[in-house]
Amino acid sequence: MAEDMIIVVSKAKVYARDKHKMRLSEEYLQALNQEVRNLIDRSVQSVESGRVTVKARDLNRQ
């Protein structure tokens, strides 16, 4: 079952095109979307109990 995209596909495509002169395939965009989901999930798991906001420092916790 395909999940909804949480990344802004059009912005990612423009970034890759303008900065690197490259195009992004649908397969790549789906994988990127899953990586973002995984990153959010890992960050949420590292949040201290009682806190309801994920912060930048939660990105670096393993």
N, C-alpha and C. Protein backbone atom coordinates (compact mmCIF):
# COMPACT_ATOMS: atom_id res chain seq x y z
N MET A 1 0.85 -1.18 0.00
CA MET A 1 0.00 0.00 0.00
C MET A 1 0.89 1.24 0.00
N ALA A 2 0.69 2.12 -0.93
CA ALA A 2 1.49 3.34 -1.03
C ALA A 2 1.03 4.34 0.03
N GLU A 3 2.01 4.95 0.67
CA GLU A 3 1.70 5.97 1.68
C GLU A 3 1.70 7.34 1.02
N ASP A 4 0.98 8.26 1.63
CA ASP A 4 0.96 9.62 1.13
C ASP A 4 2.35 10.23 1.22
N MET A 5 2.64 11.10 0.28
CA MET A 5 3.92 11.81 0.29
C MET A 5 3.88 12.89 1.36
N ILE A 6 4.93 12.95 2.17
CA ILE A 6 5.02 14.01 3.16
C ILE A 6 6.09 15.03 2.76
N ILE A 7 6.84 14.71 1.71
CA ILE A 7 7.78 15.69 1.19
C ILE A 7 7.09 16.49 0.08
N VAL A 8 7.60 17.64 -0.21
CA VAL A 8 7.05 18.46 -1.29
C VAL A 8 7.84 18.10 -2.55
N VAL A 9 7.24 17.23 -3.36
CA VAL A 9 7.90 16.68 -4.53
C VAL A 9 8.36 17.77 -5.48
N SER A 10 7.50 18.74 -5.74
CA SER A 10 7.85 19.79 -6.70
C SER A 10 9.06 20.58 -6.23
N LYS A 11 9.15 20.84 -4.93
CA LYS A 11 10.29 21.58 -4.38
C LYS A 11 11.57 20.76 -4.48
N ALA A 12 11.48 19.46 -4.20
CA ALA A 12 12.66 18.59 -4.31
C ALA A 12 13.15 18.52 -5.75
N LYS A 13 12.22 18.43 -6.69
CA LYS A 13 12.60 18.38 -8.11
C LYS A 13 13.28 19.67 -8.55
N VAL A 14 12.73 20.81 -8.15
CA VAL A 14 13.31 22.10 -8.51
C VAL A 14 14.71 22.24 -7.90
N TYR A 15 14.86 21.83 -6.65
CA TYR A 15 16.16 21.91 -5.99
C TYR A 15 17.21 21.09 -6.74
N ALA A 16 16.88 19.84 -7.06
CA ALA A 16 17.83 18.97 -7.76
C ALA A 16 18.16 19.52 -9.15
N ARG A 17 17.16 20.05 -9.82
CA ARG A 17 17.37 20.60 -11.16
C ARG A 17 18.22 21.87 -11.11
N ASP A 18 17.86 22.80 -10.23
CA ASP A 18 18.55 24.09 -10.19
C ASP A 18 19.96 23.99 -9.61
N LYS A 19 20.14 23.21 -8.59
CA LYS A 19 21.45 23.13 -7.94
C LYS A 19 22.38 22.14 -8.62
N HIS A 20 21.85 21.02 -9.10
CA HIS A 20 22.70 19.94 -9.60
C HIS A 20 22.45 19.57 -11.06
N LYS A 21 21.48 20.22 -11.69
CA LYS A 21 21.14 19.91 -13.09
C LYS A 21 20.77 18.43 -13.26
N MET A 22 20.05 17.91 -12.26
CA MET A 22 19.64 16.50 -12.27
C MET A 22 18.13 16.41 -12.09
N ARG A 23 17.58 15.29 -12.52
CA ARG A 23 16.16 15.01 -12.31
C ARG A 23 16.03 13.89 -11.28
N LEU A 24 14.90 13.85 -10.60
CA LEU A 24 14.63 12.84 -9.59
C LEU A 24 13.55 11.88 -10.10
N SER A 25 13.83 10.58 -10.03
CA SER A 25 12.85 9.59 -10.48
C SER A 25 11.77 9.41 -9.43
N GLU A 26 10.66 8.84 -9.84
CA GLU A 26 9.57 8.55 -8.92
C GLU A 26 10.04 7.57 -7.84
N GLU A 27 10.84 6.60 -8.24
CA GLU A 27 11.39 5.63 -7.29
C GLU A 27 12.25 6.33 -6.24
N TYR A 28 13.09 7.27 -6.67
CA TYR A 28 13.91 8.02 -5.73
C TYR A 28 13.05 8.83 -4.77
N LEU A 29 12.04 9.50 -5.30
CA LEU A 29 11.16 10.33 -4.46
C LEU A 29 10.42 9.49 -3.43
N GLN A 30 9.99 8.30 -3.80
CA GLN A 30 9.33 7.41 -2.84
C GLN A 30 10.31 6.97 -1.75
N ALA A 31 11.55 6.66 -2.14
CA ALA A 31 12.56 6.26 -1.16
C ALA A 31 12.91 7.43 -0.24
N LEU A 32 13.02 8.62 -0.80
CA LEU A 32 13.30 9.82 0.00
C LEU A 32 12.17 10.06 1.00
N ASN A 33 10.96 9.91 0.54
CA ASN A 33 9.80 10.07 1.41
C ASN A 33 9.87 9.09 2.58
N GLN A 34 10.22 7.84 2.30
CA GLN A 34 10.33 6.84 3.36
C GLN A 34 11.47 7.18 4.32
N GLU A 35 12.58 7.69 3.81
CA GLU A 35 13.69 8.10 4.67
C GLU A 35 13.27 9.22 5.62
N VAL A 36 12.50 10.16 5.11
CA VAL A 36 12.01 11.26 5.96
C VAL A 36 11.09 10.71 7.04
N ARG A 37 10.21 9.79 6.67
CA ARG A 37 9.33 9.16 7.66
C ARG A 37 10.15 8.45 8.75
N ASN A 38 11.18 7.71 8.32
CA ASN A 38 12.03 6.99 9.27
C ASN A 38 12.76 7.96 10.19
N LEU A 39 13.25 9.04 9.63
CA LEU A 39 13.96 10.05 10.42
C LEU A 39 13.03 10.66 11.47
N ILE A 40 11.82 10.97 11.08
CA ILE A 40 10.85 11.51 12.03
C ILE A 40 10.55 10.48 13.12
N ASP A 41 10.33 9.23 12.72
CA ASP A 41 10.02 8.19 13.69
C ASP A 41 11.14 8.02 14.71
N ARG A 42 12.40 8.00 14.23
CA ARG A 42 13.54 7.87 15.15
C ARG A 42 13.64 9.07 16.07
N SER A 43 13.41 10.25 15.55
CA SER A 43 13.48 11.47 16.35
C SER A 43 12.41 11.47 17.43
N VAL A 44 11.20 11.08 17.06
CA VAL A 44 10.09 11.05 18.02
C VAL A 44 10.41 10.06 19.14
N GLN A 45 11.01 8.94 18.82
CA GLN A 45 11.35 7.95 19.83
C GLN A 45 12.39 8.47 20.82
N SER A 46 13.21 9.43 20.40
CA SER A 46 14.26 9.94 21.28
C SER A 46 13.79 11.08 22.17
N VAL A 47 12.58 11.57 21.96
CA VAL A 47 12.07 12.69 22.75
C VAL A 47 11.90 12.26 24.21
N GLU A 48 12.33 13.14 25.10
CA GLU A 48 12.21 12.87 26.53
C GLU A 48 10.73 12.81 26.92
N SER A 49 10.43 11.99 27.91
CA SER A 49 9.03 11.89 28.35
C SER A 49 8.55 13.23 28.88
N GLY A 50 7.32 13.53 28.58
CA GLY A 50 6.73 14.79 29.01
C GLY A 50 6.83 15.89 27.97
N ARG A 51 7.76 15.76 27.04
CA ARG A 51 7.92 16.78 26.00
C ARG A 51 7.09 16.37 24.80
N VAL A 52 6.40 17.31 24.17
CA VAL A 52 5.55 16.99 23.02
C VAL A 52 6.05 17.63 21.73
N THR A 53 7.21 18.27 21.79
CA THR A 53 7.78 18.91 20.60
C THR A 53 9.10 18.24 20.24
N VAL A 54 9.22 17.82 18.99
CA VAL A 54 10.48 17.26 18.50
C VAL A 54 11.37 18.44 18.12
N LYS A 55 12.60 18.43 18.61
CA LYS A 55 13.54 19.53 18.38
C LYS A 55 14.71 19.06 17.54
N ALA A 56 15.47 20.02 17.02
CA ALA A 56 16.62 19.69 16.17
C ALA A 56 17.58 18.75 16.88
N ARG A 57 17.75 18.91 18.16
CA ARG A 57 18.69 18.04 18.89
C ARG A 57 18.26 16.58 18.87
N ASP A 58 16.99 16.32 18.61
CA ASP A 58 16.50 14.94 18.55
C ASP A 58 16.94 14.23 17.28
N LEU A 59 17.40 14.97 16.29
CA LEU A 59 17.90 14.35 15.06
C LEU A 59 19.19 13.59 15.31
N ASN A 60 19.98 14.03 16.26
CA ASN A 60 21.31 13.44 16.48
C ASN A 60 21.32 12.32 17.50
N ARG A 61 20.22 12.08 18.14
CA ARG A 61 20.18 11.01 19.14
C ARG A 61 19.97 9.68 18.46
N GLN A 62 20.62 8.68 18.95
CA GLN A 62 20.49 7.34 18.38
C GLN A 62 19.64 6.47 19.26
